[in-house]
Protein backbone atom coordinates (compact mmCIF):
# COMPACT_ATOMS: atom_id res chain seq x y z
CA UNK A 1 -66.59 46.18 12.01
CA UNK A 2 -67.15 46.39 8.27
CA UNK A 3 -65.47 49.65 7.37
CA UNK A 4 -63.05 50.18 4.52
CA UNK A 5 -59.47 51.33 4.93
CA UNK A 6 -56.32 52.16 3.02
CA UNK A 7 -52.93 50.56 3.65
CA UNK A 8 -49.59 52.09 2.77
CA UNK A 9 -45.95 51.55 3.72
CA UNK A 10 -44.33 54.02 6.07
CA UNK A 11 -40.72 54.00 7.28
CA UNK A 12 -39.26 55.87 10.22
CA UNK A 13 -35.70 56.44 11.34
CA UNK A 14 -34.06 54.90 14.39
CA UNK A 15 -30.43 55.25 15.54
CA UNK A 16 -28.32 53.37 13.00
CA UNK A 17 -31.20 52.10 10.93
CA UNK A 18 -34.79 52.33 9.71
CA UNK A 19 -38.08 50.84 10.88
CA UNK A 20 -40.56 49.44 8.38
CA UNK A 21 -44.27 49.46 8.97
CA UNK A 22 -47.70 49.85 7.45
CA UNK A 23 -50.36 52.44 8.16
CA UNK A 24 -54.00 51.31 8.19
CA UNK A 25 -56.29 54.31 7.76
CA UNK A 26 -60.11 54.20 7.60
CA UNK A 27 -61.42 55.74 4.38
CA UNK A 28 -64.62 57.23 5.78
CA UNK A 29 -63.06 59.16 8.66
CA UNK A 30 -62.12 62.80 8.11
CA UNK A 31 -59.84 64.96 10.18
CA UNK A 32 -57.86 63.73 13.16
CA UNK A 33 -58.58 60.28 14.53
CA UNK A 34 -57.31 58.06 17.38
CA UNK A 35 -54.38 55.84 16.43
CA UNK A 36 -53.25 52.46 17.74
CA UNK A 37 -49.59 51.38 17.48
CA UNK A 38 -49.50 47.58 17.22
CA UNK A 39 -46.45 45.70 18.53
CA UNK A 40 -45.94 42.08 17.52
CA UNK A 41 -44.77 39.21 19.69
CA UNK A 42 -41.25 37.73 20.00
CA UNK A 43 -40.21 36.23 16.68
CA UNK A 44 -43.08 37.91 14.86
CA UNK A 45 -43.41 40.70 12.34
CA UNK A 46 -45.77 43.44 11.20
CA UNK A 47 -47.83 40.74 9.49
CA UNK A 48 -48.82 39.37 12.89
CA UNK A 49 -49.80 42.70 14.42
CA UNK A 50 -51.42 43.81 11.13
CA UNK A 51 -54.27 41.40 11.90
CA UNK A 52 -55.16 43.65 14.81
CA UNK A 53 -54.37 46.88 12.92
CA UNK A 54 -56.95 45.89 10.31
CA UNK A 55 -59.55 45.33 13.00
CA UNK A 56 -58.82 48.79 14.41
CA UNK A 57 -59.17 50.37 10.96
CA UNK A 58 -62.43 48.50 10.43
CA UNK A 59 -63.67 50.14 13.63
CA UNK A 60 -62.79 53.60 12.32
CA UNK A 61 -59.42 54.13 14.01
CA UNK A 62 -55.98 54.50 12.48
CA UNK A 63 -53.33 51.91 13.22
CA UNK A 64 -49.67 51.22 12.54
CA UNK A 65 -48.07 47.76 12.45
CA UNK A 66 -44.29 47.49 12.18
CA UNK A 67 -41.27 45.19 12.34
CA UNK A 68 -39.07 45.43 15.41
CA UNK A 69 -35.43 45.64 14.35
CA UNK A 70 -33.71 42.28 14.67
CA UNK A 71 -36.94 40.53 15.63
CA UNK A 72 -36.32 37.86 12.98
CA UNK A 73 -34.00 37.23 10.04
CA UNK A 74 -36.84 38.37 7.78
CA UNK A 75 -37.48 41.69 9.55
CA UNK A 76 -37.63 44.51 7.03
CA UNK A 77 -36.41 46.97 9.66
CA UNK A 78 -32.67 47.55 9.78
CA UNK A 79 -29.85 48.54 12.11
CA UNK A 80 -30.08 45.73 14.65
CA UNK A 81 -29.42 42.02 14.08
CA UNK A 82 -31.16 39.15 15.87
CA UNK A 83 -28.00 38.77 17.98
CA UNK A 84 -28.17 42.46 18.98
CA UNK A 85 -31.91 42.67 19.62
CA UNK A 86 -32.99 43.15 23.25
CA UNK A 87 -35.83 44.66 25.20
CA UNK A 88 -33.89 47.93 25.19
CA UNK A 89 -33.39 48.03 21.41
CA UNK A 90 -37.09 47.32 21.01
CA UNK A 91 -37.92 50.06 23.51
CA UNK A 92 -35.91 52.46 21.30
CA UNK A 93 -37.77 51.21 18.22
CA UNK A 94 -41.18 51.80 19.77
CA UNK A 95 -40.24 55.27 21.01
CA UNK A 96 -39.15 56.20 17.47
CA UNK A 97 -42.43 54.83 16.11
CA UNK A 98 -44.39 56.74 18.75
CA UNK A 99 -42.69 60.00 17.74
CA UNK A 100 -43.39 59.34 14.07
CA UNK A 101 -47.05 58.46 14.57
CA UNK A 102 -47.64 61.49 16.74
CA UNK A 103 -46.24 63.65 13.93
CA UNK A 104 -48.75 62.43 11.32
CA UNK A 105 -51.33 65.10 10.39
CA UNK A 106 -54.31 62.72 10.66
CA UNK A 107 -53.46 61.59 14.19
CA UNK A 108 -55.33 62.88 17.24
CA UNK A 109 -52.33 63.28 19.55
CA UNK A 110 -54.59 63.11 22.61
CA UNK A 111 -55.54 59.56 21.68
CA UNK A 112 -52.50 57.53 20.67
CA UNK A 113 -52.62 54.03 22.15
CA UNK A 114 -50.06 51.26 22.47
CA UNK A 115 -51.17 47.71 21.70
CA UNK A 116 -48.83 44.80 22.31
CA UNK A 117 -48.83 41.02 22.04
CA UNK A 118 -46.59 39.04 24.44
CA UNK A 119 -43.10 40.63 24.31
CA UNK A 120 -44.68 43.50 22.39
CA UNK A 121 -46.86 44.06 25.45
CA UNK A 122 -43.82 44.21 27.71
CA UNK A 123 -42.16 46.77 25.41
CA UNK A 124 -45.37 48.80 25.23
CA UNK A 125 -45.49 48.93 29.03
CA UNK A 126 -41.87 50.13 29.12
CA UNK A 127 -42.57 52.98 26.71
CA UNK A 128 -45.76 54.00 28.54
CA UNK A 129 -43.77 54.18 31.76
CA UNK A 130 -41.16 56.40 30.08
CA UNK A 131 -43.61 58.52 28.04
CA UNK A 132 -46.87 58.69 30.01
CA UNK A 133 -47.97 62.04 28.56
CA UNK A 134 -47.76 60.68 25.00
CA UNK A 135 -49.75 57.48 25.56
CA UNK A 136 -53.53 57.56 25.98
CA UNK A 137 -53.82 53.93 27.04
CA UNK A 138 -52.37 50.42 26.90
CA UNK A 139 -54.00 47.38 25.30
CA UNK A 140 -51.97 44.31 26.29
CA UNK A 141 -52.55 40.75 25.11
CA UNK A 142 -50.90 38.04 27.24
CA UNK A 143 -48.07 40.54 27.95
CA UNK A 144 -44.58 39.14 28.37
CA UNK A 145 -43.91 40.31 31.91
CA UNK A 146 -42.39 36.87 32.43
CA UNK A 147 -39.41 37.48 30.10
CA UNK A 148 -37.01 38.69 32.85
CA UNK A 149 -37.88 35.75 35.12
CA UNK A 150 -37.54 33.33 32.22
CA UNK A 151 -34.04 34.59 31.49
CA UNK A 152 -33.04 34.46 35.17
CA UNK A 153 -34.44 30.95 35.40
CA UNK A 154 -32.47 29.86 32.36
CA UNK A 155 -29.09 31.38 33.23
CA UNK A 156 -29.22 32.16 36.94
CA UNK A 157 -26.58 34.87 36.80
CA UNK A 158 -25.41 37.24 34.06
CA UNK A 159 -21.94 35.68 34.21
CA UNK A 160 -23.46 32.45 32.91
CA UNK A 161 -24.92 34.01 29.76
CA UNK A 162 -23.03 32.96 26.61
CA UNK A 163 -22.28 35.33 23.76
CA UNK A 164 -25.02 33.64 21.72
CA UNK A 165 -27.79 31.18 22.54
CA UNK A 166 -30.90 29.76 20.93
CA UNK A 167 -34.47 30.64 21.81
CA UNK A 168 -36.34 29.64 18.65
CA UNK A 169 -33.67 31.71 16.86
CA UNK A 170 -30.08 32.85 17.62
CA UNK A 171 -29.95 35.60 20.25
CA UNK A 172 -27.07 37.53 21.72
CA UNK A 173 -25.91 38.05 25.28
CA UNK A 174 -27.56 41.48 25.47
CA UNK A 175 -31.04 39.98 25.19
CA UNK A 176 -30.65 37.90 28.35
CA UNK A 177 -28.55 40.37 30.36
CA UNK A 178 -30.85 43.34 29.77
CA UNK A 179 -33.94 41.27 30.55
CA UNK A 180 -32.40 39.86 33.73
CA UNK A 181 -31.65 43.41 34.87
CA UNK A 182 -35.24 44.58 34.40
CA UNK A 183 -38.15 44.23 36.82
CA UNK A 184 -41.35 45.19 34.97
CA UNK A 185 -43.28 45.59 38.21
CA UNK A 186 -40.93 48.37 39.31
CA UNK A 187 -41.90 50.28 36.16
CA UNK A 188 -45.67 50.30 36.29
CA UNK A 189 -46.23 53.91 37.32
CA UNK A 190 -48.20 54.69 34.16
CA UNK A 191 -51.49 56.13 35.37
CA UNK A 192 -53.54 55.93 32.18
CA UNK A 193 -55.95 53.08 31.47
CA UNK A 194 -54.32 49.66 31.09
CA UNK A 195 -56.46 46.88 29.62
CA UNK A 196 -55.10 43.32 29.70
CA UNK A 197 -56.49 40.17 28.10
CA UNK A 198 -54.95 36.80 28.98
CA UNK A 199 -55.91 33.21 28.27
CA UNK A 200 -56.25 30.89 31.25
CA UNK A 201 -54.54 28.08 29.30
CA UNK A 202 -51.47 30.11 28.34
CA UNK A 203 -48.45 27.76 28.43
CA UNK A 204 -45.89 30.50 27.65
CA UNK A 205 -46.77 33.33 30.03
CA UNK A 206 -48.69 32.17 33.13
CA UNK A 207 -51.71 34.35 33.81
CA UNK A 208 -50.34 35.10 37.31
CA UNK A 209 -48.01 37.65 35.69
CA UNK A 210 -50.99 39.64 34.41
CA UNK A 211 -52.81 39.26 37.71
CA UNK A 212 -49.84 40.81 39.47
CA UNK A 213 -49.69 43.61 36.88
CA UNK A 214 -53.34 44.52 37.48
CA UNK A 215 -52.62 44.72 41.20
CA UNK A 216 -49.59 46.94 40.53
CA UNK A 217 -50.82 49.45 37.93
CA UNK A 218 -52.86 52.38 39.31
CA UNK A 219 -55.61 51.95 36.72
CA UNK A 220 -55.79 48.49 35.15
CA UNK A 221 -58.29 45.79 34.24
CA UNK A 222 -57.81 42.12 33.34
CA UNK A 223 -60.20 40.02 31.31
CA UNK A 224 -59.55 36.29 31.39
CA UNK A 225 -60.22 34.59 28.06
CA UNK A 226 -61.46 31.14 29.01
CA UNK A 227 -59.81 28.27 27.20
CA UNK A 228 -57.39 30.48 25.25
CA UNK A 229 -53.67 29.82 25.12
CA UNK A 230 -50.82 32.17 24.05
CA UNK A 231 -52.79 33.56 21.11
CA UNK A 232 -56.32 34.67 20.31
CA UNK A 233 -58.22 33.68 17.22
CA UNK A 234 -61.76 33.39 15.93
CA UNK A 235 -64.45 34.62 18.31
CA UNK A 236 -61.86 35.45 21.00
CA UNK A 237 -60.02 37.73 18.59
CA UNK A 238 -63.23 39.45 17.49
CA UNK A 239 -64.32 39.90 21.10
CA UNK A 240 -61.06 41.51 22.18
CA UNK A 241 -61.04 43.80 19.12
CA UNK A 242 -64.58 44.92 19.93
CA UNK A 243 -63.58 45.60 23.53
CA UNK A 244 -60.61 47.69 22.42
CA UNK A 245 -62.79 49.69 20.02
CA UNK A 246 -65.32 50.25 22.82
CA UNK A 247 -62.59 51.49 25.18
CA UNK A 248 -61.34 53.98 22.58
CA UNK A 249 -64.88 55.21 21.83
CA UNK A 250 -65.59 55.75 25.52
CA UNK A 251 -62.26 57.50 26.00
CA UNK A 252 -62.77 59.89 23.08
CA UNK A 253 -66.33 60.65 24.15
CA UNK A 254 -65.12 61.40 27.68
CA UNK A 255 -62.51 63.79 26.28
CA UNK A 256 -65.11 65.52 24.13
CA UNK A 257 -67.43 65.92 27.10
CA UNK A 258 -64.63 67.40 29.21
CA UNK A 259 -63.78 69.84 26.42
CA UNK A 260 -67.42 70.89 26.05
CA UNK A 261 -67.68 71.43 29.79
CA UNK A 262 -64.47 73.48 29.84
CA UNK A 263 -65.69 75.57 26.92
CA UNK A 264 -69.04 76.16 28.64
CA UNK A 265 -67.33 77.32 31.84
CA UNK A 266 -64.93 79.56 29.90
CA UNK A 267 -67.85 81.13 28.05
């Protein structure tokens, strides 16, 4: 993965605000190309997901890394505060980003993928469930399917949720209530390919949540990263990026073969 790429800022609108992000586009690729939308983890920003966007661009694919609204005090996206942010506001953000990316002239609309780290993986799964025809595949790293259970374990019942509480940063009641009301395993109807990577030493999201997801999705795989915790770096990061690039290459080649076969039959 030694390609060159260009980076430029790109904003998109969301109800009541704007979403900031960066496009990573390979320089030596002409025409339409697959695109990967990279969602950061809870408390993160586009800088965290940009690490992966760069790896995608190095491999010859376009990528977009963005700030979820209200994700942190330093989020460049607007319209939602940290006390208003919830899995539903982030779902709205990602749907707006998906619409924007699909509208870009260089994007192959048949091959737009959602990539998510931790809570970003949970949100990506929500959008894929709602928009299956617009998502070519899911790449999930230690996805936060545990968030609803964590909120239920902390508060027990919605009536016990205060107006604000701390979880590394101030959050509002909506974050806990909306998570407690959501069962991710009841929303795993997405039939496209779902690829999950999870460390077996993850202290934040137990790997059992991903094991259950693989058993629930119609078409999913799980690779266990031995010794990794709730993050991938070094050789683990390079390995996962290579696997993602391989999945996209195989997917696009399969589509091309199907199109050639259809054209042959039509002729």
